[in-house]
Amino acid sequence: MKAIRWSEQAIEDYDRNLEYLQIEWTEREEIIFNLKVAKTLRNISTMPELYPVAIIGSTIVRKAVITTQITLYYLVLEDQILLVRFKNNFQAPNSGL
């Protein structure tokens, strides 16, 4: 099992997504989102190569779809997992990581 570390960008993205859910949706959707994130993080921690590889520019990452709207991008490092972004899939597609 590898430790998971959150990048500053991943923290900002996650917080922004939660804030959106709190303002625009109900507590139920917020709870469901958090449960999906927790399940995905457990999967990544125990099976880092479970999710497919994605090449963004010159960076090779893995991507896990959390919801139709949100994809988690992460790096598998030797001793840990680095969460790079919780990217909103409706953002500009060429905006990179």
C-alpha atoms as a PDB file:
ATOM      1  CA  MET A   1       0.000   0.000   0.000  1.00  0.00           C
ATOM      2  CA  LYS A   2       1.454   3.346  -1.046  1.00  0.00           C
ATOM      3  CA  ALA A   3       0.990   6.614   0.794  1.00  0.00           C
ATOM      4  CA  ILE A   4      -1.031   9.291  -0.982  1.00  0.00           C
ATOM      5  CA  ARG A   5       0.134  12.907  -1.148  1.00  0.00           C
ATOM      6  CA  TRP A   6      -2.014  15.757  -2.432  1.00  0.00           C
ATOM      7  CA  SER A   7      -0.500  18.504  -4.600  1.00  0.00           C
ATOM      8  CA  GLU A   8      -1.571  22.083  -3.923  1.00  0.00           C
ATOM      9  CA  GLN A   9      -3.480  22.045  -7.222  1.00  0.00           C
ATOM     10  CA  ALA A  10      -5.335  18.845  -6.253  1.00  0.00           C
ATOM     11  CA  ILE A  11      -6.353  20.417  -2.933  1.00  0.00           C
ATOM     12  CA  GLU A  12      -7.588  23.569  -4.688  1.00  0.00           C
ATOM     13  CA  ASP A  13      -9.514  21.540  -7.281  1.00  0.00           C
ATOM     14  CA  TYR A  14     -11.093  19.300  -4.648  1.00  0.00           C
ATOM     15  CA  ASP A  15     -12.124  22.265  -2.495  1.00  0.00           C
ATOM     16  CA  ARG A  16     -13.552  24.075  -5.535  1.00  0.00           C
ATOM     17  CA  ASN A  17     -15.610  21.026  -6.493  1.00  0.00           C
ATOM     18  CA  LEU A  18     -16.940  20.666  -2.937  1.00  0.00           C
ATOM     19  CA  GLU A  19     -17.809  24.343  -2.803  1.00  0.00           C
ATOM     20  CA  TYR A  20     -19.726  24.039  -6.078  1.00  0.00           C
ATOM     21  CA  LEU A  21     -21.675  21.037  -4.755  1.00  0.00           C
ATOM     22  CA  GLN A  22     -22.480  22.872  -1.517  1.00  0.00           C
ATOM     23  CA  ILE A  23     -23.796  25.930  -3.393  1.00  0.00           C
ATOM     24  CA  GLU A  24     -25.533  24.355  -6.378  1.00  0.00           C
ATOM     25  CA  TRP A  25     -26.584  20.911  -5.152  1.00  0.00           C
ATOM     26  CA  THR A  26     -27.617  19.167  -1.957  1.00  0.00           C
ATOM     27  CA  GLU A  27     -25.716  17.591   0.898  1.00  0.00           C
ATOM     28  CA  ARG A  28     -26.538  14.196  -0.625  1.00  0.00           C
ATOM     29  CA  GLU A  29     -24.475  14.933  -3.767  1.00  0.00           C
ATOM     30  CA  GLU A  30     -21.603  16.179  -1.629  1.00  0.00           C
ATOM     31  CA  ILE A  31     -21.641  12.954   0.406  1.00  0.00           C
ATOM     32  CA  ILE A  32     -21.791  10.813  -2.738  1.00  0.00           C
ATOM     33  CA  PHE A  33     -18.830  12.709  -4.228  1.00  0.00           C
ATOM     34  CA  ASN A  34     -16.788  12.255  -1.053  1.00  0.00           C
ATOM     35  CA  LEU A  35     -17.593   8.528  -0.944  1.00  0.00           C
ATOM     36  CA  LYS A  36     -16.518   8.115  -4.587  1.00  0.00           C
ATOM     37  CA  VAL A  37     -13.264   9.969  -3.913  1.00  0.00           C
ATOM     38  CA  ALA A  38     -12.557   7.847  -0.815  1.00  0.00           C
ATOM     39  CA  LYS A  39     -13.196   4.614  -2.722  1.00  0.00           C
ATOM     40  CA  THR A  40     -10.984   5.723  -5.603  1.00  0.00           C
ATOM     41  CA  LEU A  41      -8.167   6.698  -3.227  1.00  0.00           C
ATOM     42  CA  ARG A  42      -8.353   3.285  -1.524  1.00  0.00           C
ATOM     43  CA  ASN A  43      -8.132   1.614  -4.927  1.00  0.00           C
ATOM     44  CA  ILE A  44      -5.187   3.772  -5.979  1.00  0.00           C
ATOM     45  CA  SER A  45      -3.352   3.180  -2.712  1.00  0.00           C
ATOM     46  CA  THR A  46      -3.577  -0.607  -3.002  1.00  0.00           C
ATOM     47  CA  MET A  47      -3.519  -0.983  -6.818  1.00  0.00           C
ATOM     48  CA  PRO A  48      -1.810   2.109  -8.303  1.00  0.00           C
ATOM     49  CA  GLU A  49      -1.825   0.757 -11.868  1.00  0.00           C
ATOM     50  CA  LEU A  50      -5.563  -0.008 -11.811  1.00  0.00           C
ATOM     51  CA  TYR A  51      -6.537   3.108 -13.760  1.00  0.00           C
ATOM     52  CA  PRO A  52      -5.431   3.863 -17.351  1.00  0.00           C
ATOM     53  CA  VAL A  53      -2.416   5.872 -18.399  1.00  0.00           C
ATOM     54  CA  ALA A  54      -2.953   9.328 -19.870  1.00  0.00           C
ATOM     55  CA  ILE A  55      -0.366  11.472 -21.590  1.00  0.00           C
ATOM     56  CA  ILE A  56      -0.918  15.165 -20.965  1.00  0.00           C
ATOM     57  CA  GLY A  57       1.651  17.183 -22.870  1.00  0.00           C
ATOM     58  CA  SER A  58       4.910  15.476 -21.952  1.00  0.00           C
ATOM     59  CA  THR A  59       3.655  14.148 -18.613  1.00  0.00           C
ATOM     60  CA  ILE A  60       2.611  10.522 -18.179  1.00  0.00           C
ATOM     61  CA  VAL A  61      -0.051  10.210 -15.488  1.00  0.00           C
ATOM     62  CA  ARG A  62      -2.906   7.899 -14.634  1.00  0.00           C
ATOM     63  CA  LYS A  63      -6.530   8.969 -14.634  1.00  0.00           C
ATOM     64  CA  ALA A  64      -9.459   7.820 -12.564  1.00  0.00           C
ATOM     65  CA  VAL A  65     -12.941   9.019 -13.431  1.00  0.00           C
ATOM     66  CA  ILE A  66     -14.638  10.055 -10.188  1.00  0.00           C
ATOM     67  CA  THR A  67     -17.866  11.269 -11.813  1.00  0.00           C
ATOM     68  CA  THR A  68     -18.873  12.157 -15.350  1.00  0.00           C
ATOM     69  CA  GLN A  69     -17.720  15.685 -14.558  1.00  0.00           C
ATOM     70  CA  ILE A  70     -14.552  15.062 -12.501  1.00  0.00           C
ATOM     71  CA  THR A  71     -11.402  13.091 -13.370  1.00  0.00           C
ATOM     72  CA  LEU A  72      -8.540  12.551 -10.920  1.00  0.00           C
ATOM     73  CA  TYR A  73      -5.046  12.626 -12.430  1.00  0.00           C
ATOM     74  CA  TYR A  74      -2.211  11.135 -10.398  1.00  0.00           C
ATOM     75  CA  LEU A  75       1.418  10.080 -10.604  1.00  0.00           C
ATOM     76  CA  VAL A  76       2.712   6.740  -9.363  1.00  0.00           C
ATOM     77  CA  LEU A  77       6.069   7.421  -7.741  1.00  0.00           C
ATOM     78  CA  GLU A  78       8.452   4.894  -6.245  1.00  0.00           C
ATOM     79  CA  ASP A  79       7.309   5.344  -2.656  1.00  0.00           C
ATOM     80  CA  GLN A  80       4.029   7.254  -2.937  1.00  0.00           C
ATOM     81  CA  ILE A  81       1.122   8.393  -5.075  1.00  0.00           C
ATOM     82  CA  LEU A  82       0.924  12.087  -5.955  1.00  0.00           C
ATOM     83  CA  LEU A  83      -2.563  13.428  -6.674  1.00  0.00           C
ATOM     84  CA  VAL A  84      -2.065  16.018  -9.397  1.00  0.00           C
ATOM     85  CA  ARG A  85      -5.572  17.333 -10.212  1.00  0.00           C
ATOM     86  CA  PHE A  86      -9.279  16.767  -9.749  1.00  0.00           C
ATOM     87  CA  LYS A  87     -10.070  18.204 -13.151  1.00  0.00           C
ATOM     88  CA  ASN A  88     -13.513  19.293 -14.217  1.00  0.00           C
ATOM     89  CA  ASN A  89     -14.075  17.579 -17.564  1.00  0.00           C
ATOM     90  CA  PHE A  90     -16.090  20.539 -18.814  1.00  0.00           C
ATOM     91  CA  GLN A  91     -13.082  22.872 -18.612  1.00  0.00           C
ATOM     92  CA  ALA A  92     -11.248  23.718 -21.820  1.00  0.00           C
ATOM     93  CA  PRO A  93      -9.974  20.332 -23.073  1.00  0.00           C
ATOM     94  CA  ASN A  94      -6.539  21.647 -24.003  1.00  0.00           C
ATOM     95  CA  SER A  95      -5.909  23.406 -20.709  1.00  0.00           C
ATOM     96  CA  GLY A  96      -3.464  20.666 -19.658  1.00  0.00           C
ATOM     97  CA  LEU A  97      -2.853  19.658 -16.097  1.00  0.00           C
END
